[in-house]
């Protein structure tokens, strides 16, 4: 796995949970393949949460660019491009 800086782990987990964010987007942004994301999720979620996540993403067309229809569009996260020091809490 690539070296992750502070905050990357939370963002990867967030992107993995998002329905419209494909694994390819995580790979493009962080260099982690789908099996690496699965391993990361397994190691960082509680067992029950990991099981629910796997059930949710297994076979989900929106998590794979090649399986999704063009009409799905692209997901948007309001905090994705904001620097941490500018986020309001």
N, C-alpha and C. Protein backbone atom coordinates (compact mmCIF):
# COMPACT_ATOMS: atom_id res chain seq x y z
N UNK A 1 0.84 -1.18 0.00
CA UNK A 1 0.00 0.00 0.00
C UNK A 1 0.88 1.24 0.00
N UNK A 2 0.31 2.29 -0.49
CA UNK A 2 1.05 3.55 -0.54
C UNK A 2 1.06 4.17 0.86
N UNK A 3 1.98 5.09 1.07
CA UNK A 3 2.04 5.80 2.35
C UNK A 3 0.92 6.83 2.39
N UNK A 4 0.12 6.76 3.43
CA UNK A 4 -1.01 7.66 3.57
C UNK A 4 -0.65 8.77 4.55
N UNK A 5 -1.03 9.99 4.21
CA UNK A 5 -0.83 11.11 5.12
C UNK A 5 -2.04 11.23 6.02
N UNK A 6 -1.90 12.02 7.06
CA UNK A 6 -2.98 12.21 8.02
C UNK A 6 -4.25 12.68 7.32
N UNK A 7 -5.34 12.07 7.60
CA UNK A 7 -6.62 12.43 6.99
C UNK A 7 -6.97 11.58 5.78
N UNK A 8 -5.97 10.96 5.13
CA UNK A 8 -6.25 10.13 3.96
C UNK A 8 -7.08 8.91 4.31
N UNK A 9 -6.79 8.29 5.44
CA UNK A 9 -7.52 7.09 5.83
C UNK A 9 -9.01 7.38 5.98
N UNK A 10 -9.34 8.47 6.66
CA UNK A 10 -10.74 8.84 6.83
C UNK A 10 -11.41 9.12 5.49
N UNK A 11 -10.69 9.80 4.60
CA UNK A 11 -11.25 10.14 3.30
C UNK A 11 -11.47 8.88 2.45
N UNK A 12 -10.54 7.95 2.50
CA UNK A 12 -10.69 6.70 1.74
C UNK A 12 -11.90 5.92 2.25
N UNK A 13 -12.04 5.83 3.56
CA UNK A 13 -13.20 5.12 4.13
C UNK A 13 -14.49 5.82 3.73
N UNK A 14 -14.49 7.13 3.76
CA UNK A 14 -15.67 7.90 3.35
C UNK A 14 -16.02 7.62 1.88
N UNK A 15 -14.99 7.65 1.02
CA UNK A 15 -15.22 7.40 -0.40
C UNK A 15 -15.70 5.97 -0.65
N UNK A 16 -15.17 5.02 0.12
CA UNK A 16 -15.57 3.62 -0.05
C UNK A 16 -17.03 3.42 0.34
N UNK A 17 -17.52 4.16 1.34
CA UNK A 17 -18.92 4.05 1.76
C UNK A 17 -19.88 4.74 0.78
N UNK A 18 -19.38 5.76 0.06
CA UNK A 18 -20.26 6.50 -0.85
C UNK A 18 -20.69 5.61 -2.00
N UNK A 19 -21.97 5.60 -2.30
CA UNK A 19 -22.50 4.75 -3.37
C UNK A 19 -21.99 5.14 -4.74
N UNK A 20 -21.84 6.41 -5.00
CA UNK A 20 -21.50 6.87 -6.35
C UNK A 20 -20.00 7.01 -6.60
N UNK A 21 -19.18 6.75 -5.62
CA UNK A 21 -17.74 6.86 -5.81
C UNK A 21 -17.19 5.50 -6.19
N UNK A 22 -16.73 5.35 -7.43
CA UNK A 22 -16.20 4.04 -7.86
C UNK A 22 -14.82 3.77 -7.27
N UNK A 23 -14.47 2.50 -7.19
CA UNK A 23 -13.15 2.12 -6.70
C UNK A 23 -12.05 2.74 -7.55
N UNK A 24 -12.33 2.94 -8.82
CA UNK A 24 -11.34 3.54 -9.72
C UNK A 24 -10.98 4.97 -9.29
N UNK A 25 -11.94 5.69 -8.72
CA UNK A 25 -11.66 7.05 -8.24
C UNK A 25 -10.72 7.02 -7.04
N UNK A 26 -10.91 6.03 -6.18
CA UNK A 26 -10.02 5.87 -5.03
C UNK A 26 -8.62 5.52 -5.51
N UNK A 27 -8.55 4.64 -6.51
CA UNK A 27 -7.25 4.26 -7.04
C UNK A 27 -6.55 5.45 -7.70
N UNK A 28 -7.30 6.24 -8.43
CA UNK A 28 -6.73 7.40 -9.10
C UNK A 28 -6.21 8.42 -8.08
N UNK A 29 -6.96 8.65 -7.03
CA UNK A 29 -6.60 9.67 -6.06
C UNK A 29 -5.55 9.20 -5.04
N UNK A 30 -5.65 7.93 -4.62
CA UNK A 30 -4.78 7.45 -3.54
C UNK A 30 -3.86 6.30 -3.94
N UNK A 31 -4.04 5.74 -5.13
CA UNK A 31 -3.19 4.66 -5.59
C UNK A 31 -3.51 3.30 -4.99
N UNK A 32 -4.71 3.15 -4.43
CA UNK A 32 -5.12 1.89 -3.82
C UNK A 32 -6.07 1.14 -4.75
N UNK A 33 -5.77 -0.11 -5.04
CA UNK A 33 -6.64 -0.93 -5.87
C UNK A 33 -7.84 -1.38 -5.03
N UNK A 34 -8.83 -1.96 -5.70
CA UNK A 34 -10.02 -2.44 -4.98
C UNK A 34 -9.65 -3.45 -3.89
N UNK A 35 -8.81 -4.46 -4.16
CA UNK A 35 -8.44 -5.39 -3.08
C UNK A 35 -7.72 -4.69 -1.91
N UNK A 36 -6.95 -3.67 -2.20
CA UNK A 36 -6.29 -2.92 -1.13
C UNK A 36 -7.29 -2.12 -0.31
N UNK A 37 -8.30 -1.57 -0.98
CA UNK A 37 -9.35 -0.83 -0.26
C UNK A 37 -10.12 -1.80 0.63
N UNK A 38 -10.42 -2.99 0.13
CA UNK A 38 -11.14 -3.99 0.93
C UNK A 38 -10.32 -4.35 2.16
N UNK A 39 -9.01 -4.56 1.98
CA UNK A 39 -8.13 -4.88 3.10
C UNK A 39 -8.09 -3.72 4.10
N UNK A 40 -8.00 -2.49 3.60
CA UNK A 40 -7.99 -1.31 4.46
C UNK A 40 -9.29 -1.23 5.27
N UNK A 41 -10.41 -1.48 4.61
CA UNK A 41 -11.70 -1.43 5.30
C UNK A 41 -11.78 -2.53 6.35
N UNK A 42 -11.32 -3.72 6.01
CA UNK A 42 -11.33 -4.84 6.96
C UNK A 42 -10.52 -4.50 8.21
N UNK A 43 -9.38 -3.85 8.02
CA UNK A 43 -8.49 -3.54 9.14
C UNK A 43 -8.93 -2.33 9.96
N UNK A 44 -9.81 -1.50 9.42
CA UNK A 44 -10.14 -0.25 10.10
C UNK A 44 -11.60 -0.12 10.52
N UNK A 45 -12.43 -1.08 10.15
CA UNK A 45 -13.83 -1.05 10.58
C UNK A 45 -14.07 -2.17 11.59
N UNK A 46 -15.09 -2.00 12.39
CA UNK A 46 -15.52 -3.08 13.26
C UNK A 46 -16.02 -4.22 12.38
N UNK A 47 -15.94 -5.46 12.86
CA UNK A 47 -16.35 -6.60 12.02
C UNK A 47 -17.76 -6.48 11.45
N UNK A 48 -18.70 -6.02 12.25
CA UNK A 48 -20.07 -5.86 11.76
C UNK A 48 -20.20 -4.78 10.71
N UNK A 49 -19.47 -3.69 10.90
CA UNK A 49 -19.49 -2.60 9.92
C UNK A 49 -18.87 -3.05 8.61
N UNK A 50 -17.77 -3.80 8.70
CA UNK A 50 -17.13 -4.30 7.49
C UNK A 50 -18.08 -5.24 6.74
N UNK A 51 -18.76 -6.11 7.46
CA UNK A 51 -19.69 -7.05 6.83
C UNK A 51 -20.81 -6.30 6.12
N UNK A 52 -21.37 -5.28 6.76
CA UNK A 52 -22.44 -4.48 6.14
C UNK A 52 -21.91 -3.74 4.90
N UNK A 53 -20.69 -3.21 5.00
CA UNK A 53 -20.11 -2.51 3.85
C UNK A 53 -19.91 -3.47 2.69
N UNK A 54 -19.37 -4.66 2.95
CA UNK A 54 -19.13 -5.63 1.88
C UNK A 54 -20.44 -6.05 1.23
N UNK A 55 -21.48 -6.28 2.01
CA UNK A 55 -22.79 -6.63 1.45
C UNK A 55 -23.31 -5.49 0.59
N UNK A 56 -23.06 -4.28 1.03
CA UNK A 56 -23.55 -3.09 0.31
C UNK A 56 -22.86 -2.90 -1.03
N UNK A 57 -21.53 -3.08 -1.09
CA UNK A 57 -20.80 -2.78 -2.32
C UNK A 57 -20.65 -3.97 -3.25
N UNK A 58 -20.84 -5.18 -2.77
CA UNK A 58 -20.68 -6.35 -3.62
C UNK A 58 -21.76 -6.35 -4.71
N UNK A 59 -21.32 -6.34 -5.93
CA UNK A 59 -22.24 -6.35 -7.06
C UNK A 59 -22.88 -5.02 -7.38
N UNK A 60 -22.52 -3.97 -6.67
CA UNK A 60 -23.11 -2.65 -6.90
C UNK A 60 -22.46 -2.02 -8.13
N UNK A 61 -23.23 -1.78 -9.15
CA UNK A 61 -22.70 -1.26 -10.42
C UNK A 61 -22.07 0.12 -10.27
N UNK A 62 -22.57 0.92 -9.35
CA UNK A 62 -22.04 2.27 -9.21
C UNK A 62 -20.64 2.29 -8.62
N UNK A 63 -20.18 1.20 -8.04
CA UNK A 63 -18.84 1.16 -7.46
C UNK A 63 -17.78 0.77 -8.49
N UNK A 64 -18.20 0.46 -9.72
CA UNK A 64 -17.27 0.06 -10.77
C UNK A 64 -17.60 0.82 -12.05
N UNK A 65 -16.66 1.59 -12.55
CA UNK A 65 -16.91 2.41 -13.74
C UNK A 65 -17.38 1.59 -14.93
N UNK A 66 -16.83 0.40 -15.12
CA UNK A 66 -17.20 -0.40 -16.29
C UNK A 66 -18.62 -0.94 -16.19
N UNK A 67 -19.18 -1.03 -15.01
CA UNK A 67 -20.52 -1.57 -14.83
C UNK A 67 -21.61 -0.52 -14.78
N UNK A 68 -21.24 0.72 -14.57
CA UNK A 68 -22.27 1.72 -14.39
C UNK A 68 -22.69 2.37 -15.70
N UNK A 69 -23.93 2.75 -15.72
CA UNK A 69 -24.47 3.44 -16.88
C UNK A 69 -24.05 4.90 -16.83
N UNK A 70 -24.01 5.53 -17.96
CA UNK A 70 -23.61 6.93 -18.02
C UNK A 70 -24.56 7.82 -17.21
N UNK A 71 -25.83 7.45 -17.14
CA UNK A 71 -26.83 8.27 -16.45
C UNK A 71 -26.61 8.37 -14.95
N UNK A 72 -25.76 7.51 -14.39
CA UNK A 72 -25.51 7.56 -12.95
C UNK A 72 -24.86 8.88 -12.59
N UNK A 73 -24.01 9.36 -13.46
CA UNK A 73 -23.35 10.62 -13.19
C UNK A 73 -22.25 10.46 -12.18
N UNK A 74 -21.85 11.55 -11.64
CA UNK A 74 -20.73 11.54 -10.70
C UNK A 74 -21.20 12.03 -9.35
N UNK A 75 -20.74 11.37 -8.32
CA UNK A 75 -21.07 11.79 -6.97
C UNK A 75 -20.33 13.06 -6.59
N UNK A 76 -20.84 13.77 -5.64
CA UNK A 76 -20.21 15.01 -5.19
C UNK A 76 -20.19 15.05 -3.68
N UNK A 77 -19.06 15.32 -3.14
CA UNK A 77 -18.92 15.49 -1.69
C UNK A 77 -18.54 16.94 -1.43
N UNK A 78 -19.32 17.63 -0.65
CA UNK A 78 -19.10 19.06 -0.41
C UNK A 78 -17.76 19.35 0.25
N UNK A 79 -17.21 18.39 0.99
CA UNK A 79 -15.95 18.63 1.70
C UNK A 79 -14.73 18.08 0.96
N UNK A 80 -14.93 17.47 -0.19
CA UNK A 80 -13.83 16.77 -0.85
C UNK A 80 -12.66 17.67 -1.22
N UNK A 81 -12.91 18.86 -1.69
CA UNK A 81 -11.85 19.71 -2.18
C UNK A 81 -11.50 20.86 -1.24
N UNK A 82 -12.03 20.84 -0.05
CA UNK A 82 -11.74 21.90 0.91
C UNK A 82 -10.56 21.50 1.77
N UNK A 83 -9.68 22.42 1.99
CA UNK A 83 -8.55 22.17 2.88
C UNK A 83 -9.07 22.04 4.30
N UNK A 84 -8.48 21.13 5.10
CA UNK A 84 -8.99 20.89 6.47
C UNK A 84 -9.05 22.15 7.33
N UNK A 85 -8.11 23.07 7.18
CA UNK A 85 -8.11 24.26 8.02
C UNK A 85 -9.27 25.20 7.70
N UNK A 86 -9.94 25.02 6.55
CA UNK A 86 -11.04 25.90 6.18
C UNK A 86 -12.41 25.29 6.43
N UNK A 87 -12.44 24.05 6.83
CA UNK A 87 -13.72 23.41 7.12
C UNK A 87 -14.33 23.99 8.39
N UNK A 88 -15.63 24.21 8.32
CA UNK A 88 -16.32 24.70 9.51
C UNK A 88 -16.81 23.51 10.30
N UNK A 89 -16.77 23.63 11.59
CA UNK A 89 -17.21 22.52 12.45
C UNK A 89 -18.43 22.90 13.23
